[in-house]
Amino acid sequence: MAWVSLLLAGILEIVWAIGLKYSHNFTKFTPSIITLAALVGSFLLLAQSMRSLPVGTAYAVWTGIGAVGATIVGIIAFKEPAGAMRLISLTLIIAGIIGLKLGAH
């Protein structure tokens, strides 16, 4: 269950990271509310997952999911560059997340 909470926390991290762009420095009401709700939910689920997962593993996986997800959304939705070095780096982050999952007790 901790891993499910952590996955959901990571997804909400992607939502709030992208929401920051749409909130226009918190001047747009609806995107700001969505961003803040996702932020709170993400932190609560991260905290819940840390009850049984090591802190370092949970935090690294959470930030990794957020970083990879936000980058992928940026590439697809905002036409950000998807050069070879960026894609290789994303692959390395994903490999790290998998390694942390496999290495967790």
PDB file of N, CA and C in Angstrom:
ATOM      1  N   MET A   1       0.815  -1.199   0.000  1.00  0.00           N
ATOM      2  CA  MET A   1       0.000   0.000   0.000  1.00  0.00           C
ATOM      3  C   MET A   1       0.862   1.267   0.000  1.00  0.00           C
ATOM      4  N   ALA A   2       2.026   1.202   0.643  1.00  0.00           N
ATOM      5  CA  ALA A   2       2.912   2.366   0.690  1.00  0.00           C
ATOM      6  C   ALA A   2       3.374   2.758  -0.707  1.00  0.00           C
ATOM      7  N   TRP A   3       3.627   1.768  -1.548  1.00  0.00           N
ATOM      8  CA  TRP A   3       4.078   2.061  -2.908  1.00  0.00           C
ATOM      9  C   TRP A   3       2.962   2.677  -3.740  1.00  0.00           C
ATOM     10  N   VAL A   4       1.733   2.272  -3.499  1.00  0.00           N
ATOM     11  CA  VAL A   4       0.590   2.875  -4.202  1.00  0.00           C
ATOM     12  C   VAL A   4       0.448   4.332  -3.771  1.00  0.00           C
ATOM     13  N   SER A   5       0.549   4.580  -2.472  1.00  0.00           N
ATOM     14  CA  SER A   5       0.492   5.950  -1.966  1.00  0.00           C
ATOM     15  C   SER A   5       1.603   6.797  -2.570  1.00  0.00           C
ATOM     16  N   LEU A   6       2.785   6.220  -2.663  1.00  0.00           N
ATOM     17  CA  LEU A   6       3.919   6.946  -3.216  1.00  0.00           C
ATOM     18  C   LEU A   6       3.716   7.231  -4.697  1.00  0.00           C
ATOM     19  N   LEU A   7       3.196   6.282  -5.444  1.00  0.00           N
ATOM     20  CA  LEU A   7       2.909   6.506  -6.860  1.00  0.00           C
ATOM     21  C   LEU A   7       1.888   7.622  -7.034  1.00  0.00           C
ATOM     22  N   LEU A   8       0.823   7.582  -6.243  1.00  0.00           N
ATOM     23  CA  LEU A   8      -0.188   8.640  -6.319  1.00  0.00           C
ATOM     24  C   LEU A   8       0.392   9.996  -5.910  1.00  0.00           C
ATOM     25  N   ALA A   9       1.262  10.004  -4.909  1.00  0.00           N
ATOM     26  CA  ALA A   9       1.931  11.240  -4.500  1.00  0.00           C
ATOM     27  C   ALA A   9       2.761  11.799  -5.643  1.00  0.00           C
ATOM     28  N   GLY A  10       3.460  10.917  -6.347  1.00  0.00           N
ATOM     29  CA  GLY A  10       4.263  11.346  -7.492  1.00  0.00           C
ATOM     30  C   GLY A  10       3.410  11.904  -8.614  1.00  0.00           C
ATOM     31  N   ILE A  11       2.272  11.275  -8.873  1.00  0.00           N
ATOM     32  CA  ILE A  11       1.360  11.772  -9.908  1.00  0.00           C
ATOM     33  C   ILE A  11       0.832  13.155  -9.525  1.00  0.00           C
ATOM     34  N   LEU A  12       0.475  13.317  -8.258  1.00  0.00           N
ATOM     35  CA  LEU A  12       0.009  14.632  -7.805  1.00  0.00           C
ATOM     36  C   LEU A  12       1.127  15.666  -7.859  1.00  0.00           C
ATOM     37  N   GLU A  13       2.361  15.230  -7.701  1.00  0.00           N
ATOM     38  CA  GLU A  13       3.479  16.164  -7.845  1.00  0.00           C
ATOM     39  C   GLU A  13       3.556  16.685  -9.275  1.00  0.00           C
ATOM     40  N   ILE A  14       3.327  15.795 -10.224  1.00  0.00           N
ATOM     41  CA  ILE A  14       3.299  16.217 -11.629  1.00  0.00           C
ATOM     42  C   ILE A  14       2.180  17.241 -11.832  1.00  0.00           C
ATOM     43  N   VAL A  15       1.012  16.959 -11.264  1.00  0.00           N
ATOM     44  CA  VAL A  15      -0.137  17.862 -11.414  1.00  0.00           C
ATOM     45  C   VAL A  15       0.193  19.245 -10.864  1.00  0.00           C
ATOM     46  N   TRP A  16       0.766  19.298  -9.655  1.00  0.00           N
ATOM     47  CA  TRP A  16       1.021  20.627  -9.098  1.00  0.00           C
ATOM     48  C   TRP A  16       2.174  21.334  -9.801  1.00  0.00           C
ATOM     49  N   ALA A  17       3.134  20.582 -10.295  1.00  0.00           N
ATOM     50  CA  ALA A  17       4.230  21.227 -11.027  1.00  0.00           C
ATOM     51  C   ALA A  17       3.709  21.865 -12.315  1.00  0.00           C
ATOM     52  N   ILE A  18       2.875  21.142 -13.037  1.00  0.00           N
ATOM     53  CA  ILE A  18       2.287  21.691 -14.262  1.00  0.00           C
ATOM     54  C   ILE A  18       1.289  22.787 -13.911  1.00  0.00           C
ATOM     55  N   GLY A  19       0.577  22.605 -12.815  1.00  0.00           N
ATOM     56  CA  GLY A  19      -0.375  23.619 -12.369  1.00  0.00           C
ATOM     57  C   GLY A  19       0.283  24.957 -12.086  1.00  0.00           C
ATOM     58  N   LEU A  20       1.519  24.924 -11.620  1.00  0.00           N
ATOM     59  CA  LEU A  20       2.239  26.182 -11.379  1.00  0.00           C
ATOM     60  C   LEU A  20       2.325  27.013 -12.651  1.00  0.00           C
ATOM     61  N   LYS A  21       2.555  26.346 -13.768  1.00  0.00           N
ATOM     62  CA  LYS A  21       2.656  27.062 -15.042  1.00  0.00           C
ATOM     63  C   LYS A  21       1.316  27.688 -15.408  1.00  0.00           C
ATOM     64  N   TYR A  22       0.239  26.915 -15.223  1.00  0.00           N
ATOM     65  CA  TYR A  22      -1.085  27.402 -15.583  1.00  0.00           C
ATOM     66  C   TYR A  22      -1.647  28.421 -14.601  1.00  0.00           C
ATOM     67  N   SER A  23      -1.145  28.442 -13.378  1.00  0.00           N
ATOM     68  CA  SER A  23      -1.662  29.389 -12.387  1.00  0.00           C
ATOM     69  C   SER A  23      -1.151  30.809 -12.620  1.00  0.00           C
ATOM     70  N   HIS A  24      -0.133  30.951 -13.458  1.00  0.00           N
ATOM     71  CA  HIS A  24       0.451  32.269 -13.748  1.00  0.00           C
ATOM     72  C   HIS A  24       0.775  33.029 -12.460  1.00  0.00           C
ATOM     73  N   ASN A  25       1.662  32.406 -11.681  1.00  0.00           N
ATOM     74  CA  ASN A  25       2.103  33.005 -10.411  1.00  0.00           C
ATOM     75  C   ASN A  25       0.930  33.200  -9.446  1.00  0.00           C
ATOM     76  N   PHE A  26       0.027  32.208  -9.449  1.00  0.00           N
ATOM     77  CA  PHE A  26      -1.152  32.195  -8.582  1.00  0.00           C
ATOM     78  C   PHE A  26      -2.090  33.380  -8.824  1.00  0.00           C
ATOM     79  N   THR A  27      -2.146  33.842 -10.064  1.00  0.00           N
ATOM     80  CA  THR A  27      -3.084  34.907 -10.417  1.00  0.00           C
ATOM     81  C   THR A  27      -4.341  34.358 -11.090  1.00  0.00           C
ATOM     82  N   LYS A  28      -4.343  33.103 -11.485  1.00  0.00           N
ATOM     83  CA  LYS A  28      -5.515  32.447 -12.076  1.00  0.00           C
ATOM     84  C   LYS A  28      -6.138  31.557 -11.015  1.00  0.00           C
ATOM     85  N   PHE A  29      -7.397  31.802 -10.687  1.00  0.00           N
ATOM     86  CA  PHE A  29      -8.025  31.165  -9.538  1.00  0.00           C
ATOM     87  C   PHE A  29      -8.097  29.643  -9.644  1.00  0.00           C
ATOM     88  N   THR A  30      -8.748  29.121 -10.672  1.00  0.00           N
ATOM     89  CA  THR A  30      -8.962  27.672 -10.758  1.00  0.00           C
ATOM     90  C   THR A  30      -7.646  26.891 -10.830  1.00  0.00           C
ATOM     91  N   PRO A  31      -6.716  27.265 -11.707  1.00  0.00           N
ATOM     92  CA  PRO A  31      -5.443  26.527 -11.705  1.00  0.00           C
ATOM     93  C   PRO A  31      -4.695  26.632 -10.371  1.00  0.00           C
ATOM     94  N   SER A  32      -4.845  27.755  -9.691  1.00  0.00           N
ATOM     95  CA  SER A  32      -4.189  27.925  -8.387  1.00  0.00           C
ATOM     96  C   SER A  32      -4.775  26.970  -7.353  1.00  0.00           C
ATOM     97  N   ILE A  33      -6.096  26.827  -7.347  1.00  0.00           N
ATOM     98  CA  ILE A  33      -6.760  25.924  -6.405  1.00  0.00           C
ATOM     99  C   ILE A  33      -6.363  24.476  -6.695  1.00  0.00           C
ATOM    100  N   ILE A  34      -6.358  24.106  -7.969  1.00  0.00           N
ATOM    101  CA  ILE A  34      -5.955  22.744  -8.357  1.00  0.00           C
ATOM    102  C   ILE A  34      -4.508  22.488  -7.939  1.00  0.00           C
ATOM    103  N   THR A  35      -3.649  23.465  -8.181  1.00  0.00           N
ATOM    104  CA  THR A  35      -2.235  23.339  -7.826  1.00  0.00           C
ATOM    105  C   THR A  35      -2.063  23.146  -6.328  1.00  0.00           C
ATOM    106  N   LEU A  36      -2.726  23.960  -5.540  1.00  0.00           N
ATOM    107  CA  LEU A  36      -2.596  23.865  -4.083  1.00  0.00           C
ATOM    108  C   LEU A  36      -3.179  22.559  -3.549  1.00  0.00           C
ATOM    109  N   ALA A  37      -4.314  22.131  -4.099  1.00  0.00           N
ATOM    110  CA  ALA A  37      -4.913  20.863  -3.665  1.00  0.00           C
ATOM    111  C   ALA A  37      -3.995  19.687  -4.006  1.00  0.00           C
ATOM    112  N   ALA A  38      -3.416  19.707  -5.200  1.00  0.00           N
ATOM    113  CA  ALA A  38      -2.495  18.639  -5.601  1.00  0.00           C
ATOM    114  C   ALA A  38      -1.245  18.653  -4.725  1.00  0.00           C
ATOM    115  N   LEU A  39      -0.770  19.840  -4.384  1.00  0.00           N
ATOM    116  CA  LEU A  39       0.413  19.973  -3.528  1.00  0.00           C
ATOM    117  C   LEU A  39       0.158  19.358  -2.156  1.00  0.00           C
ATOM    118  N   VAL A  40      -0.957  19.713  -1.558  1.00  0.00           N
ATOM    119  CA  VAL A  40      -1.288  19.177  -0.230  1.00  0.00           C
ATOM    120  C   VAL A  40      -1.470  17.662  -0.306  1.00  0.00           C
ATOM    121  N   GLY A  41      -2.224  17.200  -1.301  1.00  0.00           N
ATOM    122  CA  GLY A  41      -2.436  15.763  -1.457  1.00  0.00           C
ATOM    123  C   GLY A  41      -1.145  15.009  -1.670  1.00  0.00           C
ATOM    124  N   SER A  42      -0.260  15.583  -2.461  1.00  0.00           N
ATOM    125  CA  SER A  42       1.026  14.950  -2.732  1.00  0.00           C
ATOM    126  C   SER A  42       1.848  14.796  -1.456  1.00  0.00           C
ATOM    127  N   PHE A  43       1.900  15.864  -0.663  1.00  0.00           N
ATOM    128  CA  PHE A  43       2.663  15.805   0.590  1.00  0.00           C
ATOM    129  C   PHE A  43       2.047  14.814   1.578  1.00  0.00           C
ATOM    130  N   LEU A  44       0.718  14.792   1.667  1.00  0.00           N
ATOM    131  CA  LEU A  44       0.063  13.866   2.592  1.00  0.00           C
ATOM    132  C   LEU A  44       0.317  12.410   2.192  1.00  0.00           C
ATOM    133  N   LEU A  45       0.227  12.121   0.900  1.00  0.00           N
ATOM    134  CA  LEU A  45       0.486  10.753   0.442  1.00  0.00           C
ATOM    135  C   LEU A  45       1.959  10.383   0.601  1.00  0.00           C
ATOM    136  N   LEU A  46       2.849  11.337   0.376  1.00  0.00           N
ATOM    137  CA  LEU A  46       4.274  11.076   0.604  1.00  0.00           C
ATOM    138  C   LEU A  46       4.508  10.750   2.076  1.00  0.00           C
ATOM    139  N   ALA A  47       3.930  11.539   2.955  1.00  0.00           N
ATOM    140  CA  ALA A  47       4.095  11.295   4.391  1.00  0.00           C
ATOM    141  C   ALA A  47       3.536   9.927   4.772  1.00  0.00           C
ATOM    142  N   GLN A  48       2.402   9.561   4.211  1.00  0.00           N
ATOM    143  CA  GLN A  48       1.805   8.260   4.498  1.00  0.00           C
ATOM    144  C   GLN A  48       2.726   7.131   4.041  1.00  0.00           C
ATOM    145  N   SER A  49       3.316   7.280   2.861  1.00  0.00           N
ATOM    146  CA  SER A  49       4.202   6.222   2.361  1.00  0.00           C
ATOM    147  C   SER A  49       5.455   6.086   3.212  1.00  0.00           C
ATOM    148  N   MET A  50       5.879   7.189   3.825  1.00  0.00           N
ATOM    149  CA  MET A  50       7.093   7.161   4.648  1.00  0.00           C
ATOM    150  C   MET A  50       6.896   6.433   5.974  1.00  0.00           C
ATOM    151  N   ARG A  51       5.666   6.090   6.292  1.00  0.00           N
ATOM    152  CA  ARG A  51       5.431   5.304   7.509  1.00  0.00           C
ATOM    153  C   ARG A  51       6.092   3.937   7.418  1.00  0.00           C
ATOM    154  N   SER A  52       6.169   3.399   6.204  1.00  0.00           N
ATOM    155  CA  SER A  52       6.758   2.061   6.078  1.00  0.00           C
ATOM    156  C   SER A  52       7.919   1.983   5.089  1.00  0.00           C
ATOM    157  N   LEU A  53       8.147   3.029   4.317  1.00  0.00           N
ATOM    158  CA  LEU A  53       9.286   3.033   3.391  1.00  0.00           C
ATOM    159  C   LEU A  53      10.410   3.888   3.965  1.00  0.00           C
ATOM    160  N   PRO A  54      11.650   3.564   3.625  1.00  0.00           N
ATOM    161  CA  PRO A  54      12.757   4.419   4.061  1.00  0.00           C
ATOM    162  C   PRO A  54      12.593   5.834   3.506  1.00  0.00           C
ATOM    163  N   VAL A  55      12.943   6.811   4.306  1.00  0.00           N
ATOM    164  CA  VAL A  55      12.781   8.211   3.925  1.00  0.00           C
ATOM    165  C   VAL A  55      13.495   8.518   2.609  1.00  0.00           C
ATOM    166  N   GLY A  56      14.737   8.116   2.510  1.00  0.00           N
ATOM    167  CA  GLY A  56      15.516   8.410   1.304  1.00  0.00           C
ATOM    168  C   GLY A  56      14.907   7.787   0.061  1.00  0.00           C
ATOM    169  N   THR A  57      14.450   6.554   0.188  1.00  0.00           N
ATOM    170  CA  THR A  57      13.832   5.870  -0.950  1.00  0.00           C
ATOM    171  C   THR A  57      12.542   6.570  -1.348  1.00  0.00           C
ATOM    172  N   ALA A  58      11.676   6.832  -0.384  1.00  0.00           N
ATOM    173  CA  ALA A  58      10.390   7.468  -0.679  1.00  0.00           C
ATOM    174  C   ALA A  58      10.595   8.836  -1.323  1.00  0.00           C
ATOM    175  N   TYR A  59      11.482   9.631  -0.757  1.00  0.00           N
ATOM    176  CA  TYR A  59      11.692  10.978  -1.282  1.00  0.00           C
ATOM    177  C   TYR A  59      12.295  10.936  -2.688  1.00  0.00           C
ATOM    178  N   ALA A  60      13.270  10.069  -2.897  1.00  0.00           N
ATOM    179  CA  ALA A  60      13.905   9.977  -4.208  1.00  0.00           C
ATOM    180  C   ALA A  60      12.921   9.497  -5.273  1.00  0.00           C
ATOM    181  N   VAL A  61      12.110   8.513  -4.937  1.00  0.00           N
ATOM    182  CA  VAL A  61      11.114   8.010  -5.890  1.00  0.00           C
ATOM    183  C   VAL A  61      10.072   9.089  -6.170  1.00  0.00           C
ATOM    184  N   TRP A  62       9.618   9.777  -5.140  1.00  0.00           N
ATOM    185  CA  TRP A  62       8.625  10.846  -5.304  1.00  0.00           C
ATOM    186  C   TRP A  62       9.143  11.937  -6.231  1.00  0.00           C
ATOM    187  N   THR A  63      10.342  12.416  -5.962  1.00  0.00           N
ATOM    188  CA  THR A  63      10.894  13.471  -6.814  1.00  0.00           C
ATOM    189  C   THR A  63      11.198  12.952  -8.212  1.00  0.00           C
ATOM    190  N   GLY A  64      11.607  11.690  -8.310  1.00  0.00           N
ATOM    191  CA  GLY A  64      11.878  11.109  -9.624  1.00  0.00           C
ATOM    192  C   GLY A  64      10.628  11.021 -10.472  1.00  0.00           C
ATOM    193  N   ILE A  65       9.535  10.547  -9.875  1.00  0.00           N
ATOM    194  CA  ILE A  65       8.269  10.475 -10.609  1.00  0.00           C
ATOM    195  C   ILE A  65       7.858  11.877 -11.054  1.00  0.00           C
ATOM    196  N   GLY A  66       7.978  12.833 -10.163  1.00  0.00           N
ATOM    197  CA  GLY A  66       7.615  14.209 -10.502  1.00  0.00           C
ATOM    198  C   GLY A  66       8.479  14.787 -11.601  1.00  0.00           C
ATOM    199  N   ALA A  67       9.781  14.556 -11.513  1.00  0.00           N
ATOM    200  CA  ALA A  67      10.699  15.098 -12.516  1.00  0.00           C
ATOM    201  C   ALA A  67      10.463  14.475 -13.891  1.00  0.00           C
ATOM    202  N   VAL A  68      10.350  13.155 -13.920  1.00  0.00           N
ATOM    203  CA  VAL A  68      10.129  12.468 -15.190  1.00  0.00           C
ATOM    204  C   VAL A  68       8.770  12.867 -15.767  1.00  0.00           C
ATOM    205  N   GLY A  69       7.741  12.827 -14.937  1.00  0.00           N
ATOM    206  CA  GLY A  69       6.402  13.156 -15.415  1.00  0.00           C
ATOM    207  C   GLY A  69       6.284  14.580 -15.912  1.00  0.00           C
ATOM    208  N   ALA A  70       6.814  15.530 -15.150  1.00  0.00           N
ATOM    209  CA  ALA A  70       6.737  16.934 -15.560  1.00  0.00           C
ATOM    210  C   ALA A  70       7.519  17.167 -16.852  1.00  0.00           C
ATOM    211  N   THR A  71       8.642  16.498 -16.999  1.00  0.00           N
ATOM    212  CA  THR A  71       9.431  16.639 -18.220  1.00  0.00           C
ATOM    213  C   THR A  71       8.687  16.070 -19.413  1.00  0.00           C
ATOM    214  N   ILE A  72       8.082  14.902 -19.240  1.00  0.00           N
ATOM    215  CA  ILE A  72       7.330  14.291 -20.334  1.00  0.00           C
ATOM    216  C   ILE A  72       6.131  15.165 -20.718  1.00  0.00           C
ATOM    217  N   VAL A  73       5.414  15.667 -19.724  1.00  0.00           N
ATOM    218  CA  VAL A  73       4.291  16.569 -20.021  1.00  0.00           C
ATOM    219  C   VAL A  73       4.803  17.819 -20.729  1.00  0.00           C
ATOM    220  N   GLY A  74       5.931  18.343 -20.288  1.00  0.00           N
ATOM    221  CA  GLY A  74       6.516  19.515 -20.943  1.00  0.00           C
ATOM    222  C   GLY A  74       6.857  19.254 -22.400  1.00  0.00           C
ATOM    223  N   ILE A  75       7.408  18.086 -22.665  1.00  0.00           N
ATOM    224  CA  ILE A  75       7.762  17.731 -24.042  1.00  0.00           C
ATOM    225  C   ILE A  75       6.503  17.604 -24.901  1.00  0.00           C
ATOM    226  N   ILE A  76       5.487  16.947 -24.365  1.00  0.00           N
ATOM    227  CA  ILE A  76       4.274  16.687 -25.144  1.00  0.00           C
ATOM    228  C   ILE A  76       3.379  17.930 -25.235  1.00  0.00           C
ATOM    229  N   ALA A  77       3.083  18.540 -24.102  1.00  0.00           N
ATOM    230  CA  ALA A  77       2.094  19.623 -24.074  1.00  0.00           C
ATOM    231  C   ALA A  77       2.666  20.991 -24.410  1.00  0.00           C
ATOM    232  N   PHE A  78       3.922  21.230 -24.044  1.00  0.00           N
ATOM    233  CA  PHE A  78       4.495  22.558 -24.213  1.00  0.00           C
ATOM    234  C   PHE A  78       5.581  22.606 -25.286  1.00  0.00           C
ATOM    235  N   LYS A  79       5.736  21.494 -25.999  1.00  0.00           N
ATOM    236  CA  LYS A  79       6.711  21.413 -27.099  1.00  0.00           C
ATOM    237  C   LYS A  79       8.131  21.765 -26.653  1.00  0.00           C
ATOM    238  N   GLU A  80       8.471  21.364 -25.414  1.00  0.00           N
ATOM    239  CA  GLU A  80       9.830  21.567 -24.926  1.00  0.00           C
ATOM    240  C   GLU A  80      10.762  20.600 -25.650  1.00  0.00           C
ATOM    241  N   PRO A  81      12.045  20.904 -25.707  1.00  0.00           N
ATOM    242  CA  PRO A  81      12.976  20.040 -26.453  1.00  0.00           C
ATOM    243  C   PRO A  81      13.041  18.622 -25.883  1.00  0.00           C
ATOM    244  N   ALA A  82      13.200  17.668 -26.782  1.00  0.00           N
ATOM    245  CA  ALA A  82      13.307  16.251 -26.395  1.00  0.00           C
ATOM    246  C   ALA A  82      14.574  15.667 -27.001  1.00  0.00           C
ATOM    247  N   GLY A  83      15.675  16.338 -26.774  1.00  0.00           N
ATOM    248  CA  GLY A  83      16.941  15.886 -27.324  1.00  0.00           C
ATOM    249  C   GLY A  83      17.414  14.588 -26.693  1.00  0.00           C
ATOM    250  N   ALA A  84      18.413  14.007 -27.319  1.00  0.00           N
ATOM    251  CA  ALA A  84      18.943  12.721 -26.875  1.00  0.00           C
ATOM    252  C   ALA A  84      19.421  12.770 -25.424  1.00  0.00           C
ATOM    253  N   MET A  85      20.114  13.817 -25.046  1.00  0.00           N
ATOM    254  CA  MET A  85      20.636  13.906 -23.680  1.00  0.00           C
ATOM    255  C   MET A  85      19.504  13.960 -22.655  1.00  0.00           C
ATOM    256  N   ARG A  86      18.427  14.676 -22.955  1.00  0.00           N
ATOM    257  CA  ARG A  86      17.280  14.732 -22.040  1.00  0.00           C
ATOM    258  C   ARG A  86      16.638  13.362 -21.903  1.00  0.00           C
ATOM    259  N   LEU A  87      16.466  12.659 -23.022  1.00  0.00           N
ATOM    260  CA  LEU A  87      15.825  11.349 -22.987  1.00  0.00           C
ATOM    261  C   LEU A  87      16.702  10.316 -22.278  1.00  0.00           C
ATOM    262  N   ILE A  88      17.996  10.393 -22.483  1.00  0.00           N
ATOM    263  CA  ILE A  88      18.919   9.499 -21.770  1.00  0.00           C
ATOM    264  C   ILE A  88      18.857   9.782 -20.274  1.00  0.00           C
ATOM    265  N   SER A  89      18.829  11.053 -19.911  1.00  0.00           N
ATOM    266  CA  SER A  89      18.758  11.428 -18.496  1.00  0.00           C
ATOM    267  C   SER A  89      17.465  10.941 -17.856  1.00  0.00           C
ATOM    268  N   LEU A  90      16.345  11.070 -18.572  1.00  0.00           N
ATOM    269  CA  LEU A  90      15.074  10.558 -18.060  1.00  0.00           C
ATOM    270  C   LEU A  90      15.148   9.050 -17.857  1.00  0.00           C
ATOM    271  N   THR A  91      15.769   8.357 -18.792  1.00  0.00           N
ATOM    272  CA  THR A  91      15.930   6.906 -18.678  1.00  0.00           C
ATOM    273  C   THR A  91      16.736   6.548 -17.440  1.00  0.00           C
ATOM    274  N   LEU A  92      17.774   7.316 -17.159  1.00  0.00           N
ATOM    275  CA  LEU A  92      18.589   7.064 -15.973  1.00  0.00           C
ATOM    276  C   LEU A  92      17.784   7.299 -14.685  1.00  0.00           C
ATOM    277  N   ILE A  93      16.947   8.335 -14.683  1.00  0.00           N
ATOM    278  CA  ILE A  93      16.102   8.577 -13.504  1.00  0.00           C
ATOM    279  C   ILE A  93      15.145   7.414 -13.303  1.00  0.00           C
ATOM    280  N   ILE A  94      14.526   6.960 -14.382  1.00  0.00           N
ATOM    281  CA  ILE A  94      13.602   5.821 -14.295  1.00  0.00           C
ATOM    282  C   ILE A  94      14.333   4.577 -13.799  1.00  0.00           C
ATOM    283  N   ALA A  95      15.545   4.345 -14.296  1.00  0.00           N
ATOM    284  CA  ALA A  95      16.336   3.200 -13.824  1.00  0.00           C
ATOM    285  C   ALA A  95      16.623   3.320 -12.333  1.00  0.00           C
ATOM    286  N   GLY A  96      16.904   4.539 -11.876  1.00  0.00           N
ATOM    287  CA  GLY A  96      17.137   4.761 -10.452  1.00  0.00           C
ATOM    288  C   GLY A  96      15.906   4.476  -9.612  1.00  0.00           C
ATOM    289  N   ILE A  97      14.742   4.897 -10.101  1.00  0.00           N
ATOM    290  CA  ILE A  97      13.483   4.638  -9.390  1.00  0.00           C
ATOM    291  C   ILE A  97      13.248   3.125  -9.277  1.00  0.00           C
ATOM    292  N   ILE A  98      13.448   2.431 -10.391  1.00  0.00           N
ATOM    293  CA  ILE A  98      13.268   0.973 -10.390  1.00  0.00           C
ATOM    294  C   ILE A  98      14.265   0.341  -9.420  1.00  0.00           C
ATOM    295  N   GLY A  99      15.504   0.778  -9.454  1.00  0.00           N
ATOM    296  CA  GLY A  99      16.515   0.241  -8.543  1.00  0.00           C
ATOM    297  C   GLY A  99      16.160   0.456  -7.089  1.00  0.00           C
ATOM    298  N   LEU A 100      15.654   1.627  -6.767  1.00  0.00           N
ATOM    299  CA  LEU A 100      15.244   1.900  -5.381  1.00  0.00           C
ATOM    300  C   LEU A 100      14.063   1.020  -4.971  1.00  0.00           C
ATOM    301  N   LYS A 101      13.146   0.811  -5.894  1.00  0.00           N
ATOM    302  CA  LYS A 101      11.993  -0.060  -5.604  1.00  0.00           C
ATOM    303  C   LYS A 101      12.470  -1.486  -5.350  1.00  0.00           C
ATOM    304  N   LEU A 102      13.344  -1.972  -6.212  1.00  0.00           N
ATOM    305  CA  LEU A 102      13.830  -3.352  -6.057  1.00  0.00           C
ATOM    306  C   LEU A 102      14.698  -3.525  -4.812  1.00  0.00           C
ATOM    307  N   GLY A 103      15.366  -2.459  -4.414  1.00  0.00           N
ATOM    308  CA  GLY A 103      16.253  -2.542  -3.263  1.00  0.00           C
ATOM    309  C   GLY A 103      15.587  -2.276  -1.930  1.00  0.00           C
ATOM    310  N   ALA A 104      14.322  -1.856  -1.952  1.00  0.00           N
ATOM    311  CA  ALA A 104      13.616  -1.552  -0.700  1.00  0.00           C
ATOM    312  C   ALA A 104      13.224  -2.856   0.003  1.00  0.00           C
ATOM    313  N   HIS A 105      13.221  -2.813   1.311  1.00  0.00           N
ATOM    314  CA  HIS A 105      12.865  -4.018   2.086  1.00  0.00           C
ATOM    315  C   HIS A 105      11.431  -3.928   2.524  1.00  0.00           C
TER     316      HIS A 105
END
